[in-house]
Amino acid sequence: MTNRIFYLNHAGIFSIPFLGSVLYLLQMYLIKKDLITRIYMSRKKQKLQEKNIRMIKNSKIVFVQSSKFGLMLKNFNGHLVFDVPAIDVQPLTKQELYDLMWTGVFCRTITKRSKIAFKTFVPADFEEYKVPHINIL
């Protein structure tokens, strides 16, 4: 398990066939060189997307900042933190609600802002992510 922390976000541009492949390759290169921590992916399955997931799935902490990943998160071994900003669940389609549910299921903890934003959707006893205290002295 690597000690790196990643932020996983959704970007629809990665689903465009040729452009998405180029962006995934660029992202993989930047991950290998330790130049980025913010990772973008689309929901559309691609081989290069799987390689990106393999590169970050064993990281120490992954902050999931999109509710659109759903079942894609089941193979992650690190600590997944549900860090989705407030979204209105009323206009979501059935599939989007499933993705939101599965994203919450695979995340072990939730940030304070997400817990406040999803107070009716997230159980009250869902563990809140505590930022580790770092002693500088």
C-alpha atoms as a PDB file:
ATOM      1  CA  MET A   1       0.000   0.000   0.000  1.00  0.00           C
ATOM      2  CA  THR A   2       1.402   3.379  -0.946  1.00  0.00           C
ATOM      3  CA  ASN A   3       1.316   6.309   1.439  1.00  0.00           C
ATOM      4  CA  ARG A   4      -0.108   8.659  -1.146  1.00  0.00           C
ATOM      5  CA  ILE A   5      -3.429  10.436  -0.899  1.00  0.00           C
ATOM      6  CA  PHE A   6      -5.545  10.832  -4.032  1.00  0.00           C
ATOM      7  CA  TYR A   7      -8.671  12.791  -4.892  1.00  0.00           C
ATOM      8  CA  LEU A   8     -10.913  10.927  -7.346  1.00  0.00           C
ATOM      9  CA  ASN A   9     -13.152  13.089  -9.542  1.00  0.00           C
ATOM     10  CA  HIS A  10     -15.470  12.512 -12.480  1.00  0.00           C
ATOM     11  CA  ALA A  11     -14.777  14.085 -15.865  1.00  0.00           C
ATOM     12  CA  GLY A  12     -16.950  13.260 -18.849  1.00  0.00           C
ATOM     13  CA  ILE A  13     -14.204  14.224 -21.312  1.00  0.00           C
ATOM     14  CA  PHE A  14     -12.449  10.932 -20.506  1.00  0.00           C
ATOM     15  CA  SER A  15     -15.304   9.049 -22.194  1.00  0.00           C
ATOM     16  CA  ILE A  16     -14.464  10.507 -25.641  1.00  0.00           C
ATOM     17  CA  PRO A  17     -12.752   7.592 -27.449  1.00  0.00           C
ATOM     18  CA  PHE A  18      -9.376   8.906 -28.654  1.00  0.00           C
ATOM     19  CA  LEU A  19      -9.086  11.925 -26.384  1.00  0.00           C
ATOM     20  CA  GLY A  20      -9.904   9.880 -23.287  1.00  0.00           C
ATOM     21  CA  SER A  21      -7.132   7.394 -24.063  1.00  0.00           C
ATOM     22  CA  VAL A  22      -4.600  10.182 -24.476  1.00  0.00           C
ATOM     23  CA  LEU A  23      -5.703  11.797 -21.212  1.00  0.00           C
ATOM     24  CA  TYR A  24      -5.528   8.469 -19.340  1.00  0.00           C
ATOM     25  CA  LEU A  25      -1.989   7.895 -20.671  1.00  0.00           C
ATOM     26  CA  LEU A  26      -0.941  11.381 -19.625  1.00  0.00           C
ATOM     27  CA  GLN A  27      -2.481  10.883 -16.203  1.00  0.00           C
ATOM     28  CA  MET A  28      -0.702   7.543 -15.745  1.00  0.00           C
ATOM     29  CA  TYR A  29       2.629   9.176 -16.584  1.00  0.00           C
ATOM     30  CA  LEU A  30       2.001  11.985 -14.088  1.00  0.00           C
ATOM     31  CA  ILE A  31       1.012   9.491 -11.367  1.00  0.00           C
ATOM     32  CA  LYS A  32       4.211   7.498 -11.909  1.00  0.00           C
ATOM     33  CA  LYS A  33       6.271  10.687 -11.579  1.00  0.00           C
ATOM     34  CA  ASP A  34       4.381  11.723  -8.396  1.00  0.00           C
ATOM     35  CA  LEU A  35       3.265  14.972 -10.016  1.00  0.00           C
ATOM     36  CA  ILE A  36      -0.497  14.753  -9.408  1.00  0.00           C
ATOM     37  CA  THR A  37      -2.856  13.648  -6.692  1.00  0.00           C
ATOM     38  CA  ARG A  38      -6.136  14.704  -8.320  1.00  0.00           C
ATOM     39  CA  ILE A  39      -7.329  11.841 -10.553  1.00  0.00           C
ATOM     40  CA  TYR A  40     -10.083  12.172 -13.152  1.00  0.00           C
ATOM     41  CA  MET A  41     -12.102   9.340 -14.675  1.00  0.00           C
ATOM     42  CA  SER A  42     -15.349   8.787 -16.507  1.00  0.00           C
ATOM     43  CA  ARG A  43     -17.894   6.053 -15.850  1.00  0.00           C
ATOM     44  CA  LYS A  44     -17.324   4.543 -19.284  1.00  0.00           C
ATOM     45  CA  LYS A  45     -15.144   1.424 -19.047  1.00  0.00           C
ATOM     46  CA  GLN A  46     -11.815   1.526 -20.885  1.00  0.00           C
ATOM     47  CA  LYS A  47      -8.625  -0.529 -20.629  1.00  0.00           C
ATOM     48  CA  LEU A  48      -6.556   2.500 -19.714  1.00  0.00           C
ATOM     49  CA  GLN A  49      -9.068   3.416 -17.042  1.00  0.00           C
ATOM     50  CA  GLU A  50      -8.491  -0.003 -15.452  1.00  0.00           C
ATOM     51  CA  LYS A  51      -4.733   0.653 -15.477  1.00  0.00           C
ATOM     52  CA  ASN A  52      -5.300   3.999 -13.767  1.00  0.00           C
ATOM     53  CA  ILE A  53      -7.415   2.293 -11.117  1.00  0.00           C
ATOM     54  CA  ARG A  54      -4.713  -0.341 -10.558  1.00  0.00           C
ATOM     55  CA  MET A  55      -2.176   2.444  -9.987  1.00  0.00           C
ATOM     56  CA  ILE A  56      -4.179   4.110  -7.208  1.00  0.00           C
ATOM     57  CA  LYS A  57      -6.281   1.308  -5.718  1.00  0.00           C
ATOM     58  CA  ASN A  58      -3.709   0.463  -3.032  1.00  0.00           C
ATOM     59  CA  SER A  59      -3.083   4.036  -1.941  1.00  0.00           C
ATOM     60  CA  LYS A  60      -3.475   4.990   1.695  1.00  0.00           C
ATOM     61  CA  ILE A  61      -6.478   7.304   1.306  1.00  0.00           C
ATOM     62  CA  VAL A  62      -8.700   8.127  -1.676  1.00  0.00           C
ATOM     63  CA  PHE A  63     -11.151  10.997  -1.324  1.00  0.00           C
ATOM     64  CA  VAL A  64     -14.047  10.157  -3.644  1.00  0.00           C
ATOM     65  CA  GLN A  65     -15.389  13.512  -4.816  1.00  0.00           C
ATOM     66  CA  SER A  66     -18.054  12.292  -7.214  1.00  0.00           C
ATOM     67  CA  SER A  67     -21.111  10.153  -6.666  1.00  0.00           C
ATOM     68  CA  LYS A  68     -20.936   8.714 -10.193  1.00  0.00           C
ATOM     69  CA  PHE A  69     -18.439   5.897  -9.659  1.00  0.00           C
ATOM     70  CA  GLY A  70     -20.634   3.392  -7.841  1.00  0.00           C
ATOM     71  CA  LEU A  71     -19.492  -0.202  -8.353  1.00  0.00           C
ATOM     72  CA  MET A  72     -16.132   0.909  -9.816  1.00  0.00           C
ATOM     73  CA  LEU A  73     -14.965   1.403  -6.231  1.00  0.00           C
ATOM     74  CA  LYS A  74     -15.380  -2.212  -5.120  1.00  0.00           C
ATOM     75  CA  ASN A  75     -11.776  -3.193  -5.976  1.00  0.00           C
ATOM     76  CA  PHE A  76     -10.102  -0.403  -4.007  1.00  0.00           C
ATOM     77  CA  ASN A  77      -8.013  -1.611  -1.068  1.00  0.00           C
ATOM     78  CA  GLY A  78      -7.211   1.727   0.533  1.00  0.00           C
ATOM     79  CA  HIS A  79      -9.330   3.871   2.791  1.00  0.00           C
ATOM     80  CA  LEU A  80     -12.108   5.459   0.709  1.00  0.00           C
ATOM     81  CA  VAL A  81     -13.553   8.701   2.053  1.00  0.00           C
ATOM     82  CA  PHE A  82     -16.936   9.928   0.796  1.00  0.00           C
ATOM     83  CA  ASP A  83     -16.254  13.600   0.024  1.00  0.00           C
ATOM     84  CA  VAL A  84     -19.046  14.481  -2.393  1.00  0.00           C
ATOM     85  CA  PRO A  85     -20.275  18.081  -2.344  1.00  0.00           C
ATOM     86  CA  ALA A  86     -23.969  18.731  -1.864  1.00  0.00           C
ATOM     87  CA  ILE A  87     -26.180  17.571  -4.721  1.00  0.00           C
ATOM     88  CA  ASP A  88     -29.939  17.516  -4.952  1.00  0.00           C
ATOM     89  CA  VAL A  89     -31.056  13.871  -5.016  1.00  0.00           C
ATOM     90  CA  GLN A  90     -34.599  14.649  -6.212  1.00  0.00           C
ATOM     91  CA  PRO A  91     -33.836  15.058  -9.966  1.00  0.00           C
ATOM     92  CA  LEU A  92     -31.430  12.083 -10.106  1.00  0.00           C
ATOM     93  CA  THR A  93     -32.307   9.111 -12.285  1.00  0.00           C
ATOM     94  CA  LYS A  94     -32.568   5.608 -10.862  1.00  0.00           C
ATOM     95  CA  GLN A  95     -29.051   4.736 -12.124  1.00  0.00           C
ATOM     96  CA  GLU A  96     -27.562   7.904 -10.625  1.00  0.00           C
ATOM     97  CA  LEU A  97     -29.183   7.074  -7.282  1.00  0.00           C
ATOM     98  CA  TYR A  98     -27.714   3.542  -7.439  1.00  0.00           C
ATOM     99  CA  ASP A  99     -24.282   5.000  -8.174  1.00  0.00           C
ATOM    100  CA  LEU A 100     -24.629   7.386  -5.235  1.00  0.00           C
ATOM    101  CA  MET A 101     -25.697   4.514  -2.983  1.00  0.00           C
ATOM    102  CA  TRP A 102     -22.820   2.221  -4.027  1.00  0.00           C
ATOM    103  CA  THR A 103     -20.327   5.055  -3.703  1.00  0.00           C
ATOM    104  CA  GLY A 104     -21.489   5.473  -0.118  1.00  0.00           C
ATOM    105  CA  VAL A 105     -21.395   1.721   0.523  1.00  0.00           C
ATOM    106  CA  PHE A 106     -17.765   1.303  -0.562  1.00  0.00           C
ATOM    107  CA  CYS A 107     -16.526   4.355   1.328  1.00  0.00           C
ATOM    108  CA  ARG A 108     -15.578   3.609   4.918  1.00  0.00           C
ATOM    109  CA  THR A 109     -15.906   7.157   6.218  1.00  0.00           C
ATOM    110  CA  ILE A 110     -17.511  10.455   5.229  1.00  0.00           C
ATOM    111  CA  THR A 111     -16.297  14.030   5.497  1.00  0.00           C
ATOM    112  CA  LYS A 112     -18.133  16.461   7.729  1.00  0.00           C
ATOM    113  CA  ARG A 113     -19.352  18.611   4.805  1.00  0.00           C
ATOM    114  CA  SER A 114     -20.773  15.569   2.988  1.00  0.00           C
ATOM    115  CA  LYS A 115     -22.468  14.312   6.130  1.00  0.00           C
ATOM    116  CA  ILE A 116     -24.174  17.685   6.557  1.00  0.00           C
ATOM    117  CA  ALA A 117     -25.111  17.863   2.860  1.00  0.00           C
ATOM    118  CA  PHE A 118     -26.573  14.338   2.767  1.00  0.00           C
ATOM    119  CA  LYS A 119     -28.128  14.297   6.243  1.00  0.00           C
ATOM    120  CA  THR A 120     -31.294  12.555   5.032  1.00  0.00           C
ATOM    121  CA  PHE A 121     -29.458  10.145   2.722  1.00  0.00           C
ATOM    122  CA  VAL A 122     -26.582   9.034   4.982  1.00  0.00           C
ATOM    123  CA  PRO A 123     -27.208   7.158   8.251  1.00  0.00           C
ATOM    124  CA  ALA A 124     -26.462   9.201  11.363  1.00  0.00           C
ATOM    125  CA  ASP A 125     -24.008   6.583  12.676  1.00  0.00           C
ATOM    126  CA  PHE A 126     -21.880   6.580   9.494  1.00  0.00           C
ATOM    127  CA  GLU A 127     -18.302   7.158  10.651  1.00  0.00           C
ATOM    128  CA  GLU A 128     -16.987  10.660  10.059  1.00  0.00           C
ATOM    129  CA  TYR A 129     -13.469  11.093   8.676  1.00  0.00           C
ATOM    130  CA  LYS A 130     -11.167  12.680  11.218  1.00  0.00           C
ATOM    131  CA  VAL A 131      -8.189  14.579   9.850  1.00  0.00           C
ATOM    132  CA  PRO A 132      -5.093  13.125  11.509  1.00  0.00           C
ATOM    133  CA  HIS A 133      -3.350  15.512  13.880  1.00  0.00           C
ATOM    134  CA  ILE A 134       0.207  16.227  12.739  1.00  0.00           C
ATOM    135  CA  ASN A 135       2.646  17.311  15.384  1.00  0.00           C
ATOM    136  CA  ILE A 136       5.081  19.721  13.737  1.00  0.00           C
ATOM    137  CA  LEU A 137       7.333  20.154  16.761  1.00  0.00           C
END
